[in-house]
C-alpha atoms as a PDB file:
ATOM      1  CA  MET A   1      -9.269 -16.450 -24.860  1.00  0.00           C
ATOM      2  CA  LYS A   2      -8.494 -16.103 -21.155  1.00  0.00           C
ATOM      3  CA  PRO A   3      -4.721 -15.820 -20.514  1.00  0.00           C
ATOM      4  CA  THR A   4      -3.120 -18.795 -18.786  1.00  0.00           C
ATOM      5  CA  ALA A   5      -0.146 -19.432 -16.528  1.00  0.00           C
ATOM      6  CA  HIS A   6       1.850 -20.394 -19.622  1.00  0.00           C
ATOM      7  CA  ASP A   7       1.947 -16.697 -20.549  1.00  0.00           C
ATOM      8  CA  ARG A   8       3.629 -15.739 -17.293  1.00  0.00           C
ATOM      9  CA  ALA A   9       7.288 -16.502 -18.037  1.00  0.00           C
ATOM     10  CA  GLY A  10       7.407 -14.445 -21.225  1.00  0.00           C
ATOM     11  CA  LEU A  11       5.602 -11.555 -19.606  1.00  0.00           C
ATOM     12  CA  ALA A  12       7.945 -11.646 -16.627  1.00  0.00           C
ATOM     13  CA  ARG A  13      10.929 -11.274 -18.958  1.00  0.00           C
ATOM     14  CA  ARG A  14       9.347  -8.227 -20.600  1.00  0.00           C
ATOM     15  CA  LEU A  15       8.517  -6.642 -17.270  1.00  0.00           C
ATOM     16  CA  ARG A  16      11.969  -7.340 -15.882  1.00  0.00           C
ATOM     17  CA  ALA A  17      13.510  -5.676 -18.930  1.00  0.00           C
ATOM     18  CA  ALA A  18      11.296  -2.651 -18.252  1.00  0.00           C
ATOM     19  CA  GLY A  19      12.689  -2.387 -14.727  1.00  0.00           C
ATOM     20  CA  CYS A  20       9.965  -4.112 -12.699  1.00  0.00           C
ATOM     21  CA  VAL A  21      11.622  -5.612  -9.622  1.00  0.00           C
ATOM     22  CA  ALA A  22       8.816  -8.079  -8.833  1.00  0.00           C
ATOM     23  CA  ALA A  23       8.357  -9.051 -12.467  1.00  0.00           C
ATOM     24  CA  HIS A  24       7.246 -12.646 -11.866  1.00  0.00           C
ATOM     25  CA  GLU A  25       4.613 -11.673  -9.299  1.00  0.00           C
ATOM     26  CA  GLU A  26       3.362  -8.806 -11.453  1.00  0.00           C
ATOM     27  CA  ALA A  27       3.091 -11.074 -14.478  1.00  0.00           C
ATOM     28  CA  GLY A  28       0.944 -13.444 -12.443  1.00  0.00           C
ATOM     29  CA  GLU A  29      -1.319 -10.592 -11.335  1.00  0.00           C
ATOM     30  CA  LEU A  30      -1.745  -9.376 -14.910  1.00  0.00           C
ATOM     31  CA  VAL A  31      -2.525 -12.855 -16.190  1.00  0.00           C
ATOM     32  CA  SER A  32      -5.085 -13.534 -13.471  1.00  0.00           C
ATOM     33  CA  ALA A  33      -6.865 -10.192 -13.919  1.00  0.00           C
ATOM     34  CA  ALA A  34      -6.965  -9.871 -17.732  1.00  0.00           C
ATOM     35  CA  CYS A  35     -10.092 -11.027 -19.557  1.00  0.00           C
ATOM     36  CA  ASP A  36      -8.336 -11.971 -22.786  1.00  0.00           C
ATOM     37  CA  GLN A  37      -5.026 -11.828 -24.628  1.00  0.00           C
ATOM     38  CA  ASP A  38      -5.719  -8.423 -26.166  1.00  0.00           C
ATOM     39  CA  GLU A  39      -6.397  -6.863 -22.786  1.00  0.00           C
ATOM     40  CA  LEU A  40      -3.322  -8.550 -21.334  1.00  0.00           C
ATOM     41  CA  GLU A  41      -1.124  -7.107 -24.078  1.00  0.00           C
ATOM     42  CA  ARG A  42      -2.534  -3.603 -23.541  1.00  0.00           C
ATOM     43  CA  TRP A  43      -1.914  -3.889 -19.837  1.00  0.00           C
ATOM     44  CA  VAL A  44       1.656  -5.124 -20.244  1.00  0.00           C
ATOM     45  CA  ARG A  45       2.448  -2.200 -22.526  1.00  0.00           C
ATOM     46  CA  ARG A  46       1.060   0.210 -19.957  1.00  0.00           C
ATOM     47  CA  ARG A  47       3.120  -1.415 -17.205  1.00  0.00           C
ATOM     48  CA  GLU A  48       6.238  -1.171 -19.360  1.00  0.00           C
ATOM     49  CA  THR A  49       5.835   2.618 -19.246  1.00  0.00           C
ATOM     50  CA  GLY A  50       5.957   2.525 -15.434  1.00  0.00           C
ATOM     51  CA  GLU A  51       2.242   3.040 -14.792  1.00  0.00           C
ATOM     52  CA  PRO A  52       1.393   1.509 -11.388  1.00  0.00           C
ATOM     53  CA  LEU A  53       0.191  -2.077 -11.629  1.00  0.00           C
ATOM     54  CA  ALA A  54      -2.696  -1.353  -9.267  1.00  0.00           C
ATOM     55  CA  TRP A  55      -4.053   1.332 -11.591  1.00  0.00           C
ATOM     56  CA  ILE A  56      -3.891  -1.040 -14.537  1.00  0.00           C
ATOM     57  CA  VAL A  57      -5.660  -4.022 -12.972  1.00  0.00           C
ATOM     58  CA  GLY A  58      -7.780  -1.836 -10.695  1.00  0.00           C
ATOM     59  CA  ARG A  59      -6.799  -3.544  -7.473  1.00  0.00           C
ATOM     60  CA  SER A  60      -4.060  -4.105  -4.944  1.00  0.00           C
ATOM     61  CA  TRP A  61      -3.554  -6.322  -1.900  1.00  0.00           C
ATOM     62  CA  PHE A  62      -3.247  -5.019   1.647  1.00  0.00           C
ATOM     63  CA  CYS A  63      -2.818  -7.334   4.630  1.00  0.00           C
ATOM     64  CA  GLY A  64      -3.968 -10.160   2.371  1.00  0.00           C
ATOM     65  CA  ARG A  65      -7.194  -8.388   1.418  1.00  0.00           C
ATOM     66  CA  ARG A  66      -8.157  -7.093  -2.002  1.00  0.00           C
ATOM     67  CA  VAL A  67      -8.484  -3.326  -2.252  1.00  0.00           C
ATOM     68  CA  TRP A  68      -9.862  -1.551  -5.310  1.00  0.00           C
ATOM     69  CA  VAL A  69      -7.520   1.188  -6.547  1.00  0.00           C
ATOM     70  CA  ASP A  70      -8.598   3.731  -9.159  1.00  0.00           C
ATOM     71  CA  PRO A  71      -6.186   5.621 -11.459  1.00  0.00           C
ATOM     72  CA  GLY A  72      -4.792   8.708  -9.781  1.00  0.00           C
ATOM     73  CA  VAL A  73      -5.269   7.349  -6.254  1.00  0.00           C
ATOM     74  CA  TYR A  74      -2.295   6.630  -3.982  1.00  0.00           C
ATOM     75  CA  VAL A  75      -1.450   2.927  -4.124  1.00  0.00           C
ATOM     76  CA  PRO A  76      -1.371   1.309  -0.650  1.00  0.00           C
ATOM     77  CA  ARG A  77       2.071  -0.006   0.340  1.00  0.00           C
ATOM     78  CA  ALA A  78       3.056  -3.105   2.254  1.00  0.00           C
ATOM     79  CA  GLN A  79       5.061  -0.843   4.584  1.00  0.00           C
ATOM     80  CA  SER A  80       1.751   0.569   5.887  1.00  0.00           C
ATOM     81  CA  GLU A  81       0.415  -2.837   6.920  1.00  0.00           C
ATOM     82  CA  GLU A  82       2.061  -2.787  10.351  1.00  0.00           C
ATOM     83  CA  LEU A  83       0.343   0.500  11.166  1.00  0.00           C
ATOM     84  CA  ALA A  84      -3.007  -0.994  10.157  1.00  0.00           C
ATOM     85  CA  ARG A  85      -2.461  -4.148  12.219  1.00  0.00           C
ATOM     86  CA  ARG A  86      -1.457  -2.157  15.295  1.00  0.00           C
ATOM     87  CA  ALA A  87      -4.503   0.055  14.914  1.00  0.00           C
ATOM     88  CA  ALA A  88      -6.742  -2.999  14.616  1.00  0.00           C
ATOM     89  CA  ARG A  89      -5.307  -4.464  17.825  1.00  0.00           C
ATOM     90  CA  LEU A  90      -5.970  -1.238  19.702  1.00  0.00           C
ATOM     91  CA  LEU A  91      -9.467  -0.864  18.329  1.00  0.00           C
ATOM     92  CA  ARG A  92     -10.283  -4.496  19.088  1.00  0.00           C
ATOM     93  CA  ARG A  93      -9.506  -3.974  22.775  1.00  0.00           C
ATOM     94  CA  ARG A  94     -11.946  -1.107  23.053  1.00  0.00           C
ATOM     95  CA  PRO A  95     -14.337  -1.384  20.076  1.00  0.00           C
ATOM     96  CA  GLY A  96     -15.580   2.082  19.345  1.00  0.00           C
ATOM     97  CA  ARG A  97     -14.831   4.617  16.642  1.00  0.00           C
ATOM     98  CA  ALA A  98     -11.816   5.069  14.381  1.00  0.00           C
ATOM     99  CA  ALA A  99     -10.928   7.802  11.902  1.00  0.00           C
ATOM    100  CA  ASP A 100      -8.533   7.206   9.022  1.00  0.00           C
ATOM    101  CA  LEU A 101      -7.269  10.601   7.883  1.00  0.00           C
ATOM    102  CA  CYS A 102      -5.985  11.051   4.308  1.00  0.00           C
ATOM    103  CA  THR A 103      -7.544   7.654   3.619  1.00  0.00           C
ATOM    104  CA  GLY A 104      -6.670   7.398  -0.088  1.00  0.00           C
ATOM    105  CA  SER A 105      -8.036   4.097  -1.373  1.00  0.00           C
ATOM    106  CA  GLY A 106      -9.353   3.364   2.116  1.00  0.00           C
ATOM    107  CA  ALA A 107      -7.013   0.393   2.600  1.00  0.00           C
ATOM    108  CA  VAL A 108      -6.359   1.011   6.310  1.00  0.00           C
ATOM    109  CA  ALA A 109     -10.007   1.788   7.069  1.00  0.00           C
ATOM    110  CA  HIS A 110     -11.082  -1.276   5.082  1.00  0.00           C
ATOM    111  CA  LEU A 111      -8.840  -3.497   7.207  1.00  0.00           C
ATOM    112  CA  LEU A 112     -10.111  -1.977  10.463  1.00  0.00           C
ATOM    113  CA  MET A 113     -13.699  -2.635   9.401  1.00  0.00           C
ATOM    114  CA  ALA A 114     -12.886  -6.238   8.530  1.00  0.00           C
ATOM    115  CA  GLU A 115     -10.823  -6.970  11.643  1.00  0.00           C
ATOM    116  CA  VAL A 116     -13.056  -5.176  14.157  1.00  0.00           C
ATOM    117  CA  PRO A 117     -16.655  -5.738  13.016  1.00  0.00           C
ATOM    118  CA  GLY A 118     -18.161  -3.877  15.973  1.00  0.00           C
ATOM    119  CA  ALA A 119     -16.240  -0.673  15.303  1.00  0.00           C
ATOM    120  CA  VAL A 120     -17.446   2.401  13.451  1.00  0.00           C
ATOM    121  CA  VAL A 121     -14.795   3.536  10.969  1.00  0.00           C
ATOM    122  CA  VAL A 122     -14.817   6.737   8.921  1.00  0.00           C
ATOM    123  CA  GLY A 123     -12.253   8.098   6.481  1.00  0.00           C
ATOM    124  CA  THR A 124     -11.412  11.560   5.193  1.00  0.00           C
ATOM    125  CA  ASP A 125      -9.701  12.748   2.035  1.00  0.00           C
ATOM    126  CA  ALA A 126      -9.570  16.014   0.125  1.00  0.00           C
ATOM    127  CA  ASP A 127      -9.233  14.328  -3.292  1.00  0.00           C
ATOM    128  CA  PRO A 128     -12.610  13.430  -4.848  1.00  0.00           C
ATOM    129  CA  ARG A 129     -10.970  10.529  -6.706  1.00  0.00           C
ATOM    130  CA  ALA A 130      -9.801   9.043  -3.413  1.00  0.00           C
ATOM    131  CA  VAL A 131     -13.218   9.595  -1.828  1.00  0.00           C
ATOM    132  CA  SER A 132     -14.899   7.704  -4.671  1.00  0.00           C
ATOM    133  CA  CYS A 133     -12.331   4.894  -4.531  1.00  0.00           C
ATOM    134  CA  ALA A 134     -12.578   4.459  -0.758  1.00  0.00           C
ATOM    135  CA  ARG A 135     -16.348   4.273  -1.022  1.00  0.00           C
ATOM    136  CA  ARG A 136     -15.963   1.478  -3.572  1.00  0.00           C
ATOM    137  CA  ASN A 137     -14.048  -0.337  -0.842  1.00  0.00           C
ATOM    138  CA  GLY A 138     -16.987   0.050   1.520  1.00  0.00           C
ATOM    139  CA  VAL A 139     -15.533   2.885   3.592  1.00  0.00           C
ATOM    140  CA  ALA A 140     -17.713   5.736   4.855  1.00  0.00           C
ATOM    141  CA  VAL A 141     -15.781   8.814   3.736  1.00  0.00           C
ATOM    142  CA  VAL A 142     -16.191  12.520   4.404  1.00  0.00           C
ATOM    143  CA  GLN A 143     -14.543  14.746   1.806  1.00  0.00           C
ATOM    144  CA  GLY A 144     -12.344  17.320   3.470  1.00  0.00           C
ATOM    145  CA  ASP A 145      -8.812  18.199   4.493  1.00  0.00           C
ATOM    146  CA  VAL A 146      -7.161  15.972   7.125  1.00  0.00           C
ATOM    147  CA  GLY A 147      -9.502  15.772  10.146  1.00  0.00           C
ATOM    148  CA  GLY A 148     -11.320  19.049   9.597  1.00  0.00           C
ATOM    149  CA  PRO A 149     -14.777  17.636   8.784  1.00  0.00           C
ATOM    150  CA  LEU A 150     -14.964  15.281  11.786  1.00  0.00           C
ATOM    151  CA  ARG A 151     -16.501  15.806  15.210  1.00  0.00           C
ATOM    152  CA  SER A 152     -14.220  16.581  18.150  1.00  0.00           C
ATOM    153  CA  GLY A 153     -13.740  14.009  20.902  1.00  0.00           C
ATOM    154  CA  ALA A 154     -15.516  11.260  18.997  1.00  0.00           C
ATOM    155  CA  PHE A 155     -12.770   8.707  18.289  1.00  0.00           C
ATOM    156  CA  ASP A 156     -10.776   6.041  20.098  1.00  0.00           C
ATOM    157  CA  VAL A 157      -8.199   5.532  17.329  1.00  0.00           C
ATOM    158  CA  VAL A 158      -6.984   7.894  14.604  1.00  0.00           C
ATOM    159  CA  THR A 159      -4.762   6.614  11.794  1.00  0.00           C
ATOM    160  CA  ALA A 160      -2.984   8.457   9.003  1.00  0.00           C
ATOM    161  CA  VAL A 161      -0.750   7.397   6.147  1.00  0.00           C
ATOM    162  CA  ALA A 162      -0.068  10.991   5.183  1.00  0.00           C
ATOM    163  CA  LEU A 163       2.590  12.366   2.889  1.00  0.00           C
ATOM    164  CA  TYR A 164       5.940  12.537   4.687  1.00  0.00           C
ATOM    165  CA  VAL A 165       8.600  12.659   1.943  1.00  0.00           C
ATOM    166  CA  PRO A 166      10.674  15.870   2.251  1.00  0.00           C
ATOM    167  CA  THR A 167      10.510  18.008  -0.881  1.00  0.00           C
ATOM    168  CA  GLY A 168      14.273  17.766  -1.330  1.00  0.00           C
ATOM    169  CA  ALA A 169      14.164  13.958  -1.238  1.00  0.00           C
ATOM    170  CA  PHE A 170      11.452  13.632  -3.854  1.00  0.00           C
ATOM    171  CA  ARG A 171      13.976  13.360  -6.669  1.00  0.00           C
ATOM    172  CA  TYR A 172      15.407  10.206  -5.061  1.00  0.00           C
ATOM    173  CA  LEU A 173      12.131   8.298  -5.339  1.00  0.00           C
ATOM    174  CA  PRO A 174      11.882   5.662  -8.093  1.00  0.00           C
ATOM    175  CA  GLY A 175      11.318   7.199 -11.505  1.00  0.00           C
ATOM    176  CA  ASP A 176       7.917   5.597 -12.043  1.00  0.00           C
ATOM    177  CA  VAL A 177       6.710   6.931  -8.680  1.00  0.00           C
ATOM    178  CA  GLN A 178       7.817  10.459  -9.605  1.00  0.00           C
ATOM    179  CA  ARG A 179       6.213  10.233 -13.022  1.00  0.00           C
ATOM    180  CA  TRP A 180       2.926   8.567 -12.204  1.00  0.00           C
ATOM    181  CA  GLU A 181       1.823   8.813  -8.597  1.00  0.00           C
ATOM    182  CA  PRO A 182       0.090  11.921  -7.233  1.00  0.00           C
ATOM    183  CA  HIS A 183       2.671  14.333  -5.839  1.00  0.00           C
ATOM    184  CA  VAL A 184       0.047  15.701  -3.461  1.00  0.00           C
ATOM    185  CA  ALA A 185       0.064  12.282  -1.752  1.00  0.00           C
ATOM    186  CA  LEU A 186       3.853  12.194  -1.384  1.00  0.00           C
ATOM    187  CA  ASP A 187       5.432  15.638  -0.952  1.00  0.00           C
ATOM    188  CA  GLY A 188       5.422  16.533   2.739  1.00  0.00           C
ATOM    189  CA  GLY A 189       7.141  19.910   2.560  1.00  0.00           C
ATOM    190  CA  ALA A 190      10.622  20.978   3.615  1.00  0.00           C
ATOM    191  CA  ASP A 191      11.061  18.437   6.424  1.00  0.00           C
ATOM    192  CA  GLY A 192       8.365  16.013   5.294  1.00  0.00           C
ATOM    193  CA  LEU A 193       6.140  16.727   8.293  1.00  0.00           C
ATOM    194  CA  GLU A 194       4.016  19.602   7.021  1.00  0.00           C
ATOM    195  CA  VAL A 195       0.863  17.507   6.733  1.00  0.00           C
ATOM    196  CA  VAL A 196       1.765  15.135   9.579  1.00  0.00           C
ATOM    197  CA  ARG A 197       1.807  18.084  12.003  1.00  0.00           C
ATOM    198  CA  ARG A 198      -1.717  18.912  10.901  1.00  0.00           C
ATOM    199  CA  VAL A 199      -2.642  15.273  11.452  1.00  0.00           C
ATOM    200  CA  VAL A 200      -1.280  15.508  15.001  1.00  0.00           C
ATOM    201  CA  ALA A 201      -3.196  18.721  15.700  1.00  0.00           C
ATOM    202  CA  ASP A 202      -6.459  17.318  14.332  1.00  0.00           C
ATOM    203  CA  ALA A 203      -5.989  13.985  16.113  1.00  0.00           C
ATOM    204  CA  ALA A 204      -5.560  15.784  19.433  1.00  0.00           C
ATOM    205  CA  ARG A 205      -8.967  17.355  18.863  1.00  0.00           C
ATOM    206  CA  LEU A 206     -10.659  14.201  17.575  1.00  0.00           C
ATOM    207  CA  LEU A 207      -9.475  11.679  20.162  1.00  0.00           C
ATOM    208  CA  ARG A 208     -11.194  10.785  23.390  1.00  0.00           C
ATOM    209  CA  PRO A 209      -9.072  10.594  26.578  1.00  0.00           C
ATOM    210  CA  GLY A 210      -6.755   7.601  26.259  1.00  0.00           C
ATOM    211  CA  GLY A 211      -7.243   7.446  22.491  1.00  0.00           C
ATOM    212  CA  TRP A 212      -4.395   6.586  20.145  1.00  0.00           C
ATOM    213  CA  LEU A 213      -2.926   8.243  17.058  1.00  0.00           C
ATOM    214  CA  LEU A 214      -0.926   6.059  14.654  1.00  0.00           C
ATOM    215  CA  THR A 215       0.833   7.816  11.802  1.00  0.00           C
ATOM    216  CA  GLU A 216       3.437   6.819   9.249  1.00  0.00           C
ATOM    217  CA  VAL A 217       6.817   8.591   9.230  1.00  0.00           C
ATOM    218  CA  GLY A 218      10.332   7.853   8.035  1.00  0.00           C
ATOM    219  CA  GLY A 219      14.010   8.703   8.425  1.00  0.00           C
ATOM    220  CA  ASP A 220      14.608  10.430  11.762  1.00  0.00           C
ATOM    221  CA  GLN A 221      11.274  12.253  11.740  1.00  0.00           C
ATOM    222  CA  ASP A 222      10.244  10.712  15.055  1.00  0.00           C
ATOM    223  CA  ARG A 223      12.414  13.297  16.845  1.00  0.00           C
ATOM    224  CA  SER A 224      10.689  16.275  15.266  1.00  0.00           C
ATOM    225  CA  LEU A 225       7.324  14.591  15.575  1.00  0.00           C
ATOM    226  CA  ALA A 226       7.845  14.087  19.315  1.00  0.00           C
ATOM    227  CA  VAL A 227       7.969  17.865  19.720  1.00  0.00           C
ATOM    228  CA  ALA A 228       4.702  18.268  17.826  1.00  0.00           C
ATOM    229  CA  LEU A 229       3.051  15.516  19.875  1.00  0.00           C
ATOM    230  CA  ARG A 230       4.034  17.106  23.181  1.00  0.00           C
ATOM    231  CA  GLY A 231       2.856  20.470  21.928  1.00  0.00           C
ATOM    232  CA  GLN A 232      -0.595  19.044  21.204  1.00  0.00           C
ATOM    233  CA  GLY A 233      -0.948  17.404  24.603  1.00  0.00           C
ATOM    234  CA  PHE A 234      -0.070  13.789  23.835  1.00  0.00           C
ATOM    235  CA  ASP A 235       1.425  11.735  26.662  1.00  0.00           C
ATOM    236  CA  ALA A 236       5.219  11.955  26.308  1.00  0.00           C
ATOM    237  CA  ASP A 237       5.569   8.634  28.177  1.00  0.00           C
ATOM    238  CA  ASP A 238       3.233   6.799  25.801  1.00  0.00           C
ATOM    239  CA  VAL A 239       4.933   7.171  22.417  1.00  0.00           C
ATOM    240  CA  VAL A 240       5.774   3.988  20.495  1.00  0.00           C
ATOM    241  CA  THR A 241       7.783   3.661  17.274  1.00  0.00           C
ATOM    242  CA  TRP A 242       8.250   0.709  14.949  1.00  0.00           C
ATOM    243  CA  ARG A 243      10.668  -0.179  12.176  1.00  0.00           C
ATOM    244  CA  ASP A 244      10.629  -2.436   9.155  1.00  0.00           C
ATOM    245  CA  GLU A 245      12.780  -5.523   8.600  1.00  0.00           C
ATOM    246  CA  ASP A 246      15.613  -3.312   7.313  1.00  0.00           C
ATOM    247  CA  GLY A 247      15.610  -1.258  10.498  1.00  0.00           C
ATOM    248  CA  ASP A 248      14.049   1.828   8.911  1.00  0.00           C
ATOM    249  CA  LEU A 249      11.564   3.886  10.906  1.00  0.00           C
ATOM    250  CA  ARG A 250       8.016   3.364   9.631  1.00  0.00           C
ATOM    251  CA  GLY A 251       5.587   4.724  12.173  1.00  0.00           C
ATOM    252  CA  VAL A 252       4.760   6.367  15.468  1.00  0.00           C
ATOM    253  CA  ALA A 253       1.876   5.747  17.861  1.00  0.00           C
ATOM    254  CA  ALA A 254       1.021   8.216  20.604  1.00  0.00           C
ATOM    255  CA  ARG A 255      -1.712   8.331  23.212  1.00  0.00           C
ATOM    256  CA  MET A 256      -3.680  11.201  24.647  1.00  0.00           C
ATOM    257  CA  PRO A 257      -3.577  11.285  28.457  1.00  0.00           C
ATOM    258  CA  PRO A 258      -5.997   8.584  29.583  1.00  0.00           C
ATOM    259  CA  SER A 259      -8.739   8.660  32.113  1.00  0.00           C
ATOM    260  CA  PRO A 260      -7.758   6.973  35.428  1.00  0.00           C
ATOM    261  CA  LEU A 261      -9.367   3.671  34.386  1.00  0.00           C
ATOM    262  CA  SER A 262      -7.667   3.406  30.990  1.00  0.00           C
ATOM    263  CA  SER A 263      -4.719   1.016  30.602  1.00  0.00           C
ATOM    264  CA  VAL A 264      -4.675   0.063  26.920  1.00  0.00           C
ATOM    265  CA  ARG A 265      -1.239  -0.211  25.343  1.00  0.00           C
ATOM    266  CA  THR A 266       0.035  -1.169  21.897  1.00  0.00           C
END
């Protein structure tokens, strides 16, 4: 028998006892996705161990859109939605080509495709599981490290939600994240910017004049990142940062020096 809303309250209590912060919402997601009571019970037990909800039900939600998420693939976060929306606004003003580096499930690329129908969007990822998952979400993906497989000077917008957690801070992440989610998608080296610097270097090669890079960062990493951006030829006067509702840094956008006719801003 298909689970009903009447099951939600009891499930929420179990999930809350297991440490799930959004227990009521997660219970609703489990109830709506499960085919029958037996499957629902199996799923709840898995969630009680800390396994990501998205891996269990096979989906997540990003900017209000459903995204398929396979086990072992980085689960898209709400904190990345602002980056995706900003990228969509930029791409909409000059519909062309966008590259989503380290695409994971393809959530950002999927949104760009939906919001800017005339654009050509391609993703990259080194993990074959992520490549397969992103393709399920309709994203054209090239398997390879960061921007290595892509053609130089071919893109108007480059996005990246790359790993940026410093190795020393990894132990402060929630226990279920440490236990379950792929460390390769989280550990950014000593200062958290090991992969992000490679993103910057590849983006400088991939972008057309006036093209934009948008990448996720945290803490006070914008200061160190500014050095890397200048070193790769980005316009020091066209760097934009944004923060979440708690005031925490979430992302940086930077533009390559434009041609004389270019005037697109975030």
